[in-house]
Every structure is written in C-alpha cells, then in structure tokens.
C-alpha atoms as a PDB file:
ATOM      1  CA  MET A   1      30.861   8.350 -81.658  1.00  0.00           C
ATOM      2  CA  HIS A   2      30.837  11.735 -79.925  1.00  0.00           C
ATOM      3  CA  SER A   3      31.819  11.798 -76.249  1.00  0.00           C
ATOM      4  CA  PRO A   4      31.196  14.678 -73.848  1.00  0.00           C
ATOM      5  CA  PRO A   5      34.220  16.534 -72.489  1.00  0.00           C
ATOM      6  CA  ALA A   6      35.796  15.034 -69.377  1.00  0.00           C
ATOM      7  CA  ASP A   7      34.665  17.939 -67.207  1.00  0.00           C
ATOM      8  CA  SER A   8      31.064  17.601 -68.387  1.00  0.00           C
ATOM      9  CA  SER A   9      28.657  16.376 -65.721  1.00  0.00           C
ATOM     10  CA  GLY A  10      26.296  14.662 -68.073  1.00  0.00           C
ATOM     11  CA  GLY A  11      26.368  15.788 -71.611  1.00  0.00           C
ATOM     12  CA  PRO A  12      23.673  16.957 -73.934  1.00  0.00           C
ATOM     13  CA  ASN A  13      22.133  13.567 -74.590  1.00  0.00           C
ATOM     14  CA  ASP A  14      21.512  12.948 -70.883  1.00  0.00           C
ATOM     15  CA  LEU A  15      18.890  15.698 -70.766  1.00  0.00           C
ATOM     16  CA  VAL A  16      17.130  14.318 -73.845  1.00  0.00           C
ATOM     17  CA  VAL A  17      17.170  10.803 -72.400  1.00  0.00           C
ATOM     18  CA  GLU A  18      15.817  12.022 -69.068  1.00  0.00           C
ATOM     19  CA  ILE A  19      12.975  13.938 -70.765  1.00  0.00           C
ATOM     20  CA  ILE A  20      12.087  10.931 -72.951  1.00  0.00           C
ATOM     21  CA  GLU A  21      12.196   8.518 -69.990  1.00  0.00           C
ATOM     22  CA  THR A  22       9.941  10.843 -68.000  1.00  0.00           C
ATOM     23  CA  LEU A  23       7.452  11.008 -70.871  1.00  0.00           C
ATOM     24  CA  GLU A  24       7.551   7.217 -71.240  1.00  0.00           C
ATOM     25  CA  THR A  25       6.672   6.779 -67.554  1.00  0.00           C
ATOM     26  CA  CYS A  26       3.546   8.798 -68.332  1.00  0.00           C
ATOM     27  CA  GLY A  27       2.663   6.360 -71.114  1.00  0.00           C
ATOM     28  CA  LEU A  28       3.849   8.395 -74.093  1.00  0.00           C
ATOM     29  CA  GLU A  29       5.699   6.308 -76.675  1.00  0.00           C
ATOM     30  CA  ASP A  30       8.838   7.897 -78.134  1.00  0.00           C
ATOM     31  CA  ASP A  31       7.627   7.306 -81.687  1.00  0.00           C
ATOM     32  CA  GLY A  32       4.402   9.236 -81.059  1.00  0.00           C
ATOM     33  CA  TYR A  33       5.945  12.714 -81.086  1.00  0.00           C
ATOM     34  CA  GLN A  34       8.973  14.716 -82.187  1.00  0.00           C
ATOM     35  CA  LEU A  35      10.574  16.362 -79.142  1.00  0.00           C
ATOM     36  CA  HIS A  36      12.067  19.153 -81.257  1.00  0.00           C
ATOM     37  CA  ASP A  37       8.505  20.234 -82.140  1.00  0.00           C
ATOM     38  CA  TYR A  38       7.969  21.163 -78.477  1.00  0.00           C
ATOM     39  CA  VAL A  39      11.313  22.456 -77.220  1.00  0.00           C
ATOM     40  CA  ASP A  40      14.684  23.533 -78.573  1.00  0.00           C
ATOM     41  CA  ILE A  41      16.936  21.157 -76.643  1.00  0.00           C
ATOM     42  CA  ASP A  42      20.133  23.074 -77.459  1.00  0.00           C
ATOM     43  CA  ALA A  43      18.641  26.328 -76.177  1.00  0.00           C
ATOM     44  CA  LEU A  44      17.250  24.566 -73.094  1.00  0.00           C
ATOM     45  CA  GLU A  45      20.656  23.081 -72.267  1.00  0.00           C
ATOM     46  CA  GLN A  46      22.374  26.455 -72.721  1.00  0.00           C
ATOM     47  CA  LEU A  47      19.808  28.182 -70.535  1.00  0.00           C
ATOM     48  CA  LEU A  48      20.113  25.630 -67.736  1.00  0.00           C
ATOM     49  CA  ALA A  49      23.922  25.638 -67.917  1.00  0.00           C
ATOM     50  CA  SER A  50      24.189  29.433 -67.865  1.00  0.00           C
ATOM     51  CA  SER A  51      21.989  29.999 -64.836  1.00  0.00           C
ATOM     52  CA  ASP A  52      23.638  31.031 -61.567  1.00  0.00           C
ATOM     53  CA  GLY A  53      20.523  30.485 -59.484  1.00  0.00           C
ATOM     54  CA  ASP A  54      17.436  28.376 -59.375  1.00  0.00           C
ATOM     55  CA  ILE A  55      15.828  28.047 -62.769  1.00  0.00           C
ATOM     56  CA  ALA A  56      13.132  25.813 -64.149  1.00  0.00           C
ATOM     57  CA  VAL A  57      11.691  25.710 -67.643  1.00  0.00           C
ATOM     58  CA  GLN A  58       8.153  24.483 -68.171  1.00  0.00           C
ATOM     59  CA  PHE A  59       6.742  23.097 -71.408  1.00  0.00           C
ATOM     60  CA  THR A  60       4.131  20.565 -72.484  1.00  0.00           C
ATOM     61  CA  VAL A  61       4.634  17.556 -74.757  1.00  0.00           C
ATOM     62  CA  GLU A  62       1.484  15.838 -76.066  1.00  0.00           C
ATOM     63  CA  GLY A  63      -0.511  17.156 -73.097  1.00  0.00           C
ATOM     64  CA  ILE A  64       2.089  16.206 -70.477  1.00  0.00           C
ATOM     65  CA  PRO A  65       3.364  19.294 -68.621  1.00  0.00           C
ATOM     66  CA  LEU A  66       7.037  19.103 -67.676  1.00  0.00           C
ATOM     67  CA  GLU A  67       9.346  21.205 -65.552  1.00  0.00           C
ATOM     68  CA  VAL A  68      13.048  20.901 -66.336  1.00  0.00           C
ATOM     69  CA  SER A  69      15.713  22.230 -63.994  1.00  0.00           C
ATOM     70  CA  PRO A  70      19.474  21.631 -63.850  1.00  0.00           C
ATOM     71  CA  ASP A  71      18.794  18.851 -61.334  1.00  0.00           C
ATOM     72  CA  SER A  72      15.681  17.104 -62.608  1.00  0.00           C
ATOM     73  CA  VAL A  73      12.884  16.567 -65.090  1.00  0.00           C
ATOM     74  CA  ASP A  74       9.503  16.501 -63.361  1.00  0.00           C
ATOM     75  CA  VAL A  75       5.906  16.061 -64.446  1.00  0.00           C
ATOM     76  CA  ILE A  76       3.707  18.900 -63.212  1.00  0.00           C
ATOM     77  CA  VAL A  77       0.431  17.656 -61.746  1.00  0.00           C
ATOM     78  CA  GLU A  78      -2.651  19.482 -60.518  1.00  0.00           C
ATOM     79  CA  ASP A  79      -3.958  18.749 -57.047  1.00  0.00           C
ATOM     80  CA  GLU A  80      -7.648  18.656 -56.144  1.00  0.00           C
ATOM     81  CA  SER A  81      -7.808  22.443 -55.840  1.00  0.00           C
ATOM     82  CA  GLY A  82      -6.547  22.897 -59.384  1.00  0.00           C
ATOM     83  CA  CYS A  83      -3.162  24.196 -58.243  1.00  0.00           C
ATOM     84  CA  VAL A  84      -0.118  23.016 -60.123  1.00  0.00           C
ATOM     85  CA  ASN A  85       2.465  20.997 -58.172  1.00  0.00           C
ATOM     86  CA  GLU A  86       5.600  19.095 -59.119  1.00  0.00           C
END
C-alpha cells in the first residue's frame, strides 16, 4: 500500500476523504456520483499546496456547493438574503 512521505501533513487521500465525508453529511451517498466528474483532485491538491496565501476553490457536486481550502472543506450555504456564506 502507498504511504505518504514522512514530511507530508496529510497526503492526497485525506483531501478526498474529507470531501466525501462532507458530502455524506449533506446526505449524498458515495455511490451516487463520481467525484472525478466534478473536480480534478490532483490539480486541486497541487493548487492548494502551491499557494502562498489564502486560497479557496469552489465547486458543486450533485447540487451541493463546496469550498475547499488548505485548512478545510466547507459547504457553502445561502442565508435569507440570498448571499452565499460558508
């Protein structure tokens, strides 16, 4: 089995797991979609790892809007005024 390098703070699969767990908390079953149809995980990981400042990438999976940053995976929700919040 592949292990991340010792200096890695999480590894590539951690981001995938965190995205899937977030989607599951919203009621989306992991067999109901193919994540790679919505986002290129390798490119997302490279983008997040290469950023020197604050960065967040937003995308939607099966109608669930997500915001992924180096620190978290969040569901974006609209408040009563229609504004988008994390």
